[in-house]
PDB file of N, CA and C in Angstrom:
ATOM      1  N   MET A   1       0.845  -1.170   0.000  1.00  0.00           N
ATOM      2  CA  MET A   1       0.000   0.000   0.000  1.00  0.00           C
ATOM      3  C   MET A   1       0.894   1.238   0.000  1.00  0.00           C
ATOM      4  N   ILE A   2       0.663   2.133  -0.950  1.00  0.00           N
ATOM      5  CA  ILE A   2       1.445   3.354  -1.040  1.00  0.00           C
ATOM      6  C   ILE A   2       0.842   4.406  -0.110  1.00  0.00           C
ATOM      7  N   MET A   3       1.691   4.967   0.726  1.00  0.00           N
ATOM      8  CA  MET A   3       1.267   5.978   1.686  1.00  0.00           C
ATOM      9  C   MET A   3       1.822   7.338   1.259  1.00  0.00           C
ATOM     10  N   VAL A   4       1.060   8.390   1.495  1.00  0.00           N
ATOM     11  CA  VAL A   4       1.460   9.753   1.141  1.00  0.00           C
ATOM     12  C   VAL A   4       1.549  10.578   2.419  1.00  0.00           C
ATOM     13  N   LEU A   5       2.667  11.266   2.563  1.00  0.00           N
ATOM     14  CA  LEU A   5       2.844  12.167   3.693  1.00  0.00           C
ATOM     15  C   LEU A   5       2.070  13.456   3.437  1.00  0.00           C
ATOM     16  N   ILE A   6       1.225  13.840   4.379  1.00  0.00           N
ATOM     17  CA  ILE A   6       0.460  15.077   4.253  1.00  0.00           C
ATOM     18  C   ILE A   6       1.347  16.217   4.738  1.00  0.00           C
ATOM     19  N   SER A   7       1.676  17.111   3.838  1.00  0.00           N
ATOM     20  CA  SER A   7       2.582  18.209   4.176  1.00  0.00           C
ATOM     21  C   SER A   7       1.835  19.322   4.919  1.00  0.00           C
ATOM     22  N   ASP A   8       2.610  20.140   5.583  1.00  0.00           N
ATOM     23  CA  ASP A   8       2.025  21.331   6.207  1.00  0.00           C
ATOM     24  C   ASP A   8       1.373  22.206   5.140  1.00  0.00           C
ATOM     25  N   ASN A   9       1.991  22.271   3.959  1.00  0.00           N
ATOM     26  CA  ASN A   9       1.452  23.062   2.853  1.00  0.00           C
ATOM     27  C   ASN A   9       0.076  22.565   2.431  1.00  0.00           C
ATOM     28  N   ALA A  10      -0.088  21.249   2.264  1.00  0.00           N
ATOM     29  CA  ALA A  10      -1.386  20.695   1.865  1.00  0.00           C
ATOM     30  C   ALA A  10      -2.445  21.009   2.911  1.00  0.00           C
ATOM     31  N   TRP A  11      -2.066  20.929   4.162  1.00  0.00           N
ATOM     32  CA  TRP A  11      -2.998  21.223   5.246  1.00  0.00           C
ATOM     33  C   TRP A  11      -3.363  22.702   5.276  1.00  0.00           C
ATOM     34  N   GLU A  12      -2.353  23.575   5.117  1.00  0.00           N
ATOM     35  CA  GLU A  12      -2.595  25.021   5.193  1.00  0.00           C
ATOM     36  C   GLU A  12      -3.390  25.536   3.999  1.00  0.00           C
ATOM     37  N   LYS A  13      -3.057  25.068   2.791  1.00  0.00           N
ATOM     38  CA  LYS A  13      -3.700  25.592   1.586  1.00  0.00           C
ATOM     39  C   LYS A  13      -5.012  24.905   1.247  1.00  0.00           C
ATOM     40  N   GLY A  14      -5.201  23.670   1.715  1.00  0.00           N
ATOM     41  CA  GLY A  14      -6.398  22.940   1.320  1.00  0.00           C
ATOM     42  C   GLY A  14      -7.159  22.299   2.451  1.00  0.00           C
ATOM     43  N   GLY A  15      -6.693  22.493   3.656  1.00  0.00           N
ATOM     44  CA  GLY A  15      -7.270  21.772   4.777  1.00  0.00           C
ATOM     45  C   GLY A  15      -8.368  22.488   5.525  1.00  0.00           C
ATOM     46  N   ALA A  16      -8.572  22.033   6.750  1.00  0.00           N
ATOM     47  CA  ALA A  16      -9.700  22.438   7.572  1.00  0.00           C
ATOM     48  C   ALA A  16      -9.764  23.932   7.842  1.00  0.00           C
ATOM     49  N   LYS A  17      -8.635  24.610   7.829  1.00  0.00           N
ATOM     50  CA  LYS A  17      -8.679  26.049   8.138  1.00  0.00           C
ATOM     51  C   LYS A  17      -9.074  26.906   6.940  1.00  0.00           C
ATOM     52  N   THR A  18      -9.353  26.278   5.805  1.00  0.00           N
ATOM     53  CA  THR A  18      -9.813  27.006   4.624  1.00  0.00           C
ATOM     54  C   THR A  18     -11.328  26.915   4.525  1.00  0.00           C
ATOM     55  N   ASP A  19     -11.889  27.682   3.629  1.00  0.00           N
ATOM     56  CA  ASP A  19     -13.331  27.614   3.388  1.00  0.00           C
ATOM     57  C   ASP A  19     -13.680  26.647   2.259  1.00  0.00           C
ATOM     58  N   GLY A  20     -12.686  25.942   1.726  1.00  0.00           N
ATOM     59  CA  GLY A  20     -12.918  25.044   0.603  1.00  0.00           C
ATOM     60  C   GLY A  20     -13.285  23.636   1.040  1.00  0.00           C
ATOM     61  N   SER A  21     -13.480  22.783   0.046  1.00  0.00           N
ATOM     62  CA  SER A  21     -13.764  21.375   0.305  1.00  0.00           C
ATOM     63  C   SER A  21     -12.501  20.696   0.819  1.00  0.00           C
ATOM     64  N   THR A  22     -12.652  19.868   1.835  1.00  0.00           N
ATOM     65  CA  THR A  22     -11.488  19.250   2.452  1.00  0.00           C
ATOM     66  C   THR A  22     -11.797  17.866   2.991  1.00  0.00           C
ATOM     67  N   MET A  23     -10.765  17.062   3.131  1.00  0.00           N
ATOM     68  CA  MET A  23     -10.880  15.759   3.792  1.00  0.00           C
ATOM     69  C   MET A  23     -10.570  15.872   5.277  1.00  0.00           C
ATOM     70  N   PHE A  24     -10.162  17.049   5.721  1.00  0.00           N
ATOM     71  CA  PHE A  24      -9.764  17.273   7.115  1.00  0.00           C
ATOM     72  C   PHE A  24      -8.565  16.403   7.494  1.00  0.00           C
ATOM     73  N   LEU A  25      -7.586  16.347   6.584  1.00  0.00           N
ATOM     74  CA  LEU A  25      -6.364  15.589   6.827  1.00  0.00           C
ATOM     75  C   LEU A  25      -5.512  16.298   7.873  1.00  0.00           C
ATOM     76  N   SER A  26      -4.791  15.528   8.648  1.00  0.00           N
ATOM     77  CA  SER A  26      -3.881  16.092   9.645  1.00  0.00           C
ATOM     78  C   SER A  26      -2.488  16.203   9.050  1.00  0.00           C
ATOM     79  N   PRO A  27      -1.814  17.333   9.285  1.00  0.00           N
ATOM     80  CA  PRO A  27      -0.460  17.487   8.748  1.00  0.00           C
ATOM     81  C   PRO A  27       0.498  16.473   9.366  1.00  0.00           C
ATOM     82  N   ARG A  28       1.490  16.091   8.568  1.00  0.00           N
ATOM     83  CA  ARG A  28       2.558  15.176   8.969  1.00  0.00           C
ATOM     84  C   ARG A  28       2.076  13.769   9.309  1.00  0.00           C
ATOM     85  N   THR A  29       0.923  13.398   8.747  1.00  0.00           N
ATOM     86  CA  THR A  29       0.454  12.019   8.858  1.00  0.00           C
ATOM     87  C   THR A  29       0.615  11.359   7.502  1.00  0.00           C
ATOM     88  N   ARG A  30       0.501  10.052   7.483  1.00  0.00           N
ATOM     89  CA  ARG A  30       0.572   9.309   6.218  1.00  0.00           C
ATOM     90  C   ARG A  30      -0.800   8.711   5.936  1.00  0.00           C
ATOM     91  N   VAL A  31      -1.233   8.873   4.673  1.00  0.00           N
ATOM     92  CA  VAL A  31      -2.561   8.437   4.256  1.00  0.00           C
ATOM     93  C   VAL A  31      -2.405   7.590   2.994  1.00  0.00           C
ATOM     94  N   PRO A  32      -3.127   6.460   2.887  1.00  0.00           N
ATOM     95  CA  PRO A  32      -3.050   5.646   1.672  1.00  0.00           C
ATOM     96  C   PRO A  32      -3.521   6.415   0.437  1.00  0.00           C
ATOM     97  N   VAL A  33      -2.854   6.195  -0.678  1.00  0.00           N
ATOM     98  CA  VAL A  33      -3.207   6.848  -1.941  1.00  0.00           C
ATOM     99  C   VAL A  33      -4.685   6.636  -2.264  1.00  0.00           C
ATOM    100  N   ILE A  34      -5.185   5.416  -2.079  1.00  0.00           N
ATOM    101  CA  ILE A  34      -6.581   5.128  -2.426  1.00  0.00           C
ATOM    102  C   ILE A  34      -7.544   6.004  -1.629  1.00  0.00           C
ATOM    103  N   ASP A  35      -7.223   6.270  -0.374  1.00  0.00           N
ATOM    104  CA  ASP A  35      -8.079   7.134   0.433  1.00  0.00           C
ATOM    105  C   ASP A  35      -8.042   8.575  -0.079  1.00  0.00           C
ATOM    106  N   LEU A  36      -6.853   9.029  -0.495  1.00  0.00           N
ATOM    107  CA  LEU A  36      -6.748  10.377  -1.052  1.00  0.00           C
ATOM    108  C   LEU A  36      -7.513  10.483  -2.364  1.00  0.00           C
ATOM    109  N   MET A  37      -7.425   9.457  -3.187  1.00  0.00           N
ATOM    110  CA  MET A  37      -8.157   9.468  -4.455  1.00  0.00           C
ATOM    111  C   MET A  37      -9.664   9.514  -4.210  1.00  0.00           C
ATOM    112  N   ARG A  38     -10.126   8.755  -3.236  1.00  0.00           N
ATOM    113  CA  ARG A  38     -11.552   8.804  -2.888  1.00  0.00           C
ATOM    114  C   ARG A  38     -11.925  10.199  -2.383  1.00  0.00           C
ATOM    115  N   GLY A  39     -11.036  10.795  -1.604  1.00  0.00           N
ATOM    116  CA  GLY A  39     -11.287  12.137  -1.098  1.00  0.00           C
ATOM    117  C   GLY A  39     -11.379  13.173  -2.199  1.00  0.00           C
ATOM    118  N   VAL A  40     -10.557  13.016  -3.226  1.00  0.00           N
ATOM    119  CA  VAL A  40     -10.607  13.931  -4.371  1.00  0.00           C
ATOM    120  C   VAL A  40     -11.908  13.726  -5.148  1.00  0.00           C
ATOM    121  N   ILE A  41     -12.256  12.471  -5.396  1.00  0.00           N
ATOM    122  CA  ILE A  41     -13.423  12.152  -6.230  1.00  0.00           C
ATOM    123  C   ILE A  41     -14.737  12.427  -5.506  1.00  0.00           C
ATOM    124  N   ILE A  42     -14.835  11.997  -4.267  1.00  0.00           N
ATOM    125  CA  ILE A  42     -16.108  12.077  -3.547  1.00  0.00           C
ATOM    126  C   ILE A  42     -16.292  13.409  -2.840  1.00  0.00           C
ATOM    127  N   GLN A  43     -15.243  13.903  -2.200  1.00  0.00           N
ATOM    128  CA  GLN A  43     -15.359  15.110  -1.390  1.00  0.00           C
ATOM    129  C   GLN A  43     -14.784  16.355  -2.057  1.00  0.00           C
ATOM    130  N   SER A  44     -14.185  16.204  -3.221  1.00  0.00           N
ATOM    131  CA  SER A  44     -13.460  17.311  -3.854  1.00  0.00           C
ATOM    132  C   SER A  44     -12.442  17.892  -2.884  1.00  0.00           C
ATOM    133  N   GLY A  45     -11.755  17.017  -2.174  1.00  0.00           N
ATOM    134  CA  GLY A  45     -10.828  17.428  -1.125  1.00  0.00           C
ATOM    135  C   GLY A  45      -9.613  18.156  -1.660  1.00  0.00           C
ATOM    136  N   ASN A  46      -9.540  19.456  -1.397  1.00  0.00           N
ATOM    137  CA  ASN A  46      -8.394  20.250  -1.835  1.00  0.00           C
ATOM    138  C   ASN A  46      -7.105  19.791  -1.162  1.00  0.00           C
ATOM    139  N   ASP A  47      -7.173  19.432   0.109  1.00  0.00           N
ATOM    140  CA  ASP A  47      -5.980  18.963   0.810  1.00  0.00           C
ATOM    141  C   ASP A  47      -5.465  17.664   0.199  1.00  0.00           C
ATOM    142  N   ALA A  48      -6.374  16.778  -0.175  1.00  0.00           N
ATOM    143  CA  ALA A  48      -5.982  15.521  -0.810  1.00  0.00           C
ATOM    144  C   ALA A  48      -5.367  15.771  -2.185  1.00  0.00           C
ATOM    145  N   SER A  49      -5.943  16.705  -2.939  1.00  0.00           N
ATOM    146  CA  SER A  49      -5.414  17.037  -4.268  1.00  0.00           C
ATOM    147  C   SER A  49      -3.997  17.580  -4.177  1.00  0.00           C
ATOM    148  N   ILE A  50      -3.772  18.469  -3.229  1.00  0.00           N
ATOM    149  CA  ILE A  50      -2.432  19.040  -3.054  1.00  0.00           C
ATOM    150  C   ILE A  50      -1.448  17.961  -2.618  1.00  0.00           C
ATOM    151  N   ALA A  51      -1.851  17.116  -1.682  1.00  0.00           N
ATOM    152  CA  ALA A  51      -0.971  16.048  -1.202  1.00  0.00           C
ATOM    153  C   ALA A  51      -0.588  15.106  -2.339  1.00  0.00           C
ATOM    154  N   LEU A  52      -1.541  14.749  -3.185  1.00  0.00           N
ATOM    155  CA  LEU A  52      -1.233  13.873  -4.321  1.00  0.00           C
ATOM    156  C   LEU A  52      -0.309  14.556  -5.324  1.00  0.00           C
ATOM    157  N   ALA A  53      -0.557  15.824  -5.614  1.00  0.00           N
ATOM    158  CA  ALA A  53       0.308  16.566  -6.546  1.00  0.00           C
ATOM    159  C   ALA A  53       1.731  16.623  -6.018  1.00  0.00           C
ATOM    160  N   GLU A  54       1.881  16.879  -4.722  1.00  0.00           N
ATOM    161  CA  GLU A  54       3.218  16.922  -4.118  1.00  0.00           C
ATOM    162  C   GLU A  54       3.880  15.547  -4.156  1.00  0.00           C
ATOM    163  N   HIS A  55       3.109  14.517  -3.914  1.00  0.00           N
ATOM    164  CA  HIS A  55       3.653  13.151  -3.924  1.00  0.00           C
ATOM    165  C   HIS A  55       4.127  12.752  -5.326  1.00  0.00           C
ATOM    166  N   ILE A  56       3.345  13.130  -6.331  1.00  0.00           N
ATOM    167  CA  ILE A  56       3.663  12.748  -7.709  1.00  0.00           C
ATOM    168  C   ILE A  56       4.812  13.567  -8.281  1.00  0.00           C
ATOM    169  N   SER A  57       4.789  14.885  -8.057  1.00  0.00           N
ATOM    170  CA  SER A  57       5.731  15.773  -8.758  1.00  0.00           C
ATOM    171  C   SER A  57       6.611  16.625  -7.863  1.00  0.00           C
ATOM    172  N   GLY A  58       6.431  16.559  -6.563  1.00  0.00           N
ATOM    173  CA  GLY A  58       7.259  17.355  -5.663  1.00  0.00           C
ATOM    174  C   GLY A  58       6.577  18.604  -5.157  1.00  0.00           C
ATOM    175  N   ASP A  59       5.835  19.281  -6.035  1.00  0.00           N
ATOM    176  CA  ASP A  59       5.049  20.442  -5.613  1.00  0.00           C
ATOM    177  C   ASP A  59       3.955  20.701  -6.648  1.00  0.00           C
ATOM    178  N   GLU A  60       3.055  21.619  -6.330  1.00  0.00           N
ATOM    179  CA  GLU A  60       1.913  21.882  -7.207  1.00  0.00           C
ATOM    180  C   GLU A  60       2.328  22.441  -8.563  1.00  0.00           C
ATOM    181  N   ASP A  61       3.319  23.324  -8.582  1.00  0.00           N
ATOM    182  CA  ASP A  61       3.757  23.914  -9.848  1.00  0.00           C
ATOM    183  C   ASP A  61       4.331  22.858 -10.789  1.00  0.00           C
ATOM    184  N   ALA A  62       5.143  21.967 -10.254  1.00  0.00           N
ATOM    185  CA  ALA A  62       5.720  20.901 -11.075  1.00  0.00           C
ATOM    186  C   ALA A  62       4.626  19.967 -11.594  1.00  0.00           C
ATOM    187  N   PHE A  63       3.622  19.705 -10.760  1.00  0.00           N
ATOM    188  CA  PHE A  63       2.503  18.861 -11.190  1.00  0.00           C
ATOM    189  C   PHE A  63       1.732  19.535 -12.326  1.00  0.00           C
ATOM    190  N   THR A  64       1.488  20.839 -12.200  1.00  0.00           N
ATOM    191  CA  THR A  64       0.798  21.582 -13.248  1.00  0.00           C
ATOM    192  C   THR A  64       1.577  21.540 -14.554  1.00  0.00           C
ATOM    193  N   ASP A  65       2.893  21.724 -14.466  1.00  0.00           N
ATOM    194  CA  ASP A  65       3.735  21.652 -15.659  1.00  0.00           C
ATOM    195  C   ASP A  65       3.632  20.280 -16.313  1.00  0.00           C
ATOM    196  N   SER A  66       3.661  19.241 -15.502  1.00  0.00           N
ATOM    197  CA  SER A  66       3.566  17.873 -16.008  1.00  0.00           C
ATOM    198  C   SER A  66       2.221  17.632 -16.699  1.00  0.00           C
ATOM    199  N   MET A  67       1.155  18.108 -16.104  1.00  0.00           N
ATOM    200  CA  MET A  67      -0.169  17.933 -16.709  1.00  0.00           C
ATOM    201  C   MET A  67      -0.289  18.726 -18.008  1.00  0.00           C
ATOM    202  N   ASN A  68       0.296  19.910 -18.059  1.00  0.00           N
ATOM    203  CA  ASN A  68       0.289  20.686 -19.305  1.00  0.00           C
ATOM    204  C   ASN A  68       1.093  19.979 -20.391  1.00  0.00           C
ATOM    205  N   GLN A  69       2.200  19.351 -20.027  1.00  0.00           N
ATOM    206  CA  GLN A  69       2.991  18.593 -20.994  1.00  0.00           C
ATOM    207  C   GLN A  69       2.200  17.401 -21.526  1.00  0.00           C
ATOM    208  N   GLN A  70       1.490  16.700 -20.652  1.00  0.00           N
ATOM    209  CA  GLN A  70       0.673  15.571 -21.079  1.00  0.00           C
ATOM    210  C   GLN A  70      -0.455  16.022 -22.003  1.00  0.00           C
ATOM    211  N   ALA A  71      -1.062  17.143 -21.678  1.00  0.00           N
ATOM    212  CA  ALA A  71      -2.132  17.687 -22.520  1.00  0.00           C
ATOM    213  C   ALA A  71      -1.593  18.021 -23.914  1.00  0.00           C
ATOM    214  N   ALA A  72      -0.411  18.605 -23.965  1.00  0.00           N
ATOM    215  CA  ALA A  72       0.200  18.942 -25.259  1.00  0.00           C
ATOM    216  C   ALA A  72       0.475  17.678 -26.072  1.00  0.00           C
ATOM    217  N   LEU A  73       0.935  16.619 -25.413  1.00  0.00           N
ATOM    218  CA  LEU A  73       1.180  15.349 -26.112  1.00  0.00           C
ATOM    219  C   LEU A  73      -0.104  14.780 -26.704  1.00  0.00           C
ATOM    220  N   LEU A  74      -1.230  15.074 -26.081  1.00  0.00           N
ATOM    221  CA  LEU A  74      -2.523  14.615 -26.572  1.00  0.00           C
ATOM    222  C   LEU A  74      -3.124  15.569 -27.593  1.00  0.00           C
ATOM    223  N   GLY A  75      -2.388  16.643 -27.915  1.00  0.00           N
ATOM    224  CA  GLY A  75      -2.862  17.608 -28.898  1.00  0.00           C
ATOM    225  C   GLY A  75      -3.785  18.660 -28.319  1.00  0.00           C
ATOM    226  N   MET A  76      -3.847  18.734 -27.014  1.00  0.00           N
ATOM    227  CA  MET A  76      -4.725  19.707 -26.365  1.00  0.00           C
ATOM    228  C   MET A  76      -3.914  20.971 -26.116  1.00  0.00           C
ATOM    229  N   THR A  77      -3.866  21.842 -27.124  1.00  0.00           N
ATOM    230  CA  THR A  77      -2.990  23.006 -27.051  1.00  0.00           C
ATOM    231  C   THR A  77      -3.730  24.329 -26.937  1.00  0.00           C
ATOM    232  N   GLU A  78      -5.042  24.326 -26.999  1.00  0.00           N
ATOM    233  CA  GLU A  78      -5.793  25.578 -26.988  1.00  0.00           C
ATOM    234  C   GLU A  78      -5.941  26.192 -25.597  1.00  0.00           C
ATOM    235  N   HIS A  79      -5.955  25.397 -24.561  1.00  0.00           N
ATOM    236  CA  HIS A  79      -6.130  25.893 -23.202  1.00  0.00           C
ATOM    237  C   HIS A  79      -5.067  25.278 -22.309  1.00  0.00           C
ATOM    238  N   ARG A  80      -4.590  26.085 -21.356  1.00  0.00           N
ATOM    239  CA  ARG A  80      -3.569  25.605 -20.436  1.00  0.00           C
ATOM    240  C   ARG A  80      -4.096  25.750 -19.005  1.00  0.00           C
ATOM    241  N   VAL A  81      -3.702  24.809 -18.167  1.00  0.00           N
ATOM    242  CA  VAL A  81      -3.998  24.913 -16.741  1.00  0.00           C
ATOM    243  C   VAL A  81      -3.082  25.966 -16.161  1.00  0.00           C
ATOM    244  N   LEU A  82      -3.623  26.854 -15.390  1.00  0.00           N
ATOM    245  CA  LEU A  82      -2.804  27.945 -14.821  1.00  0.00           C
ATOM    246  C   LEU A  82      -2.289  27.600 -13.473  1.00  0.00           C
TER     247      LEU A  82
END
């Protein structure tokens, strides 16, 4: 089972202290990827989304760059994720 460390950043930008959708993850805990994916899909959990982006690419900006590169490979060049 792959576990993801919930960063202070994911908690601060997407967690309980925000007004957005959240899974109410605790910082510096480890959560299974499948639980984070469910949190993104079912709860639109911003904290889970940030934690997954950091786990996959190191930080949100790098994840965005990676997704834009994948979109370009698929020929999706008219709109970019900001």
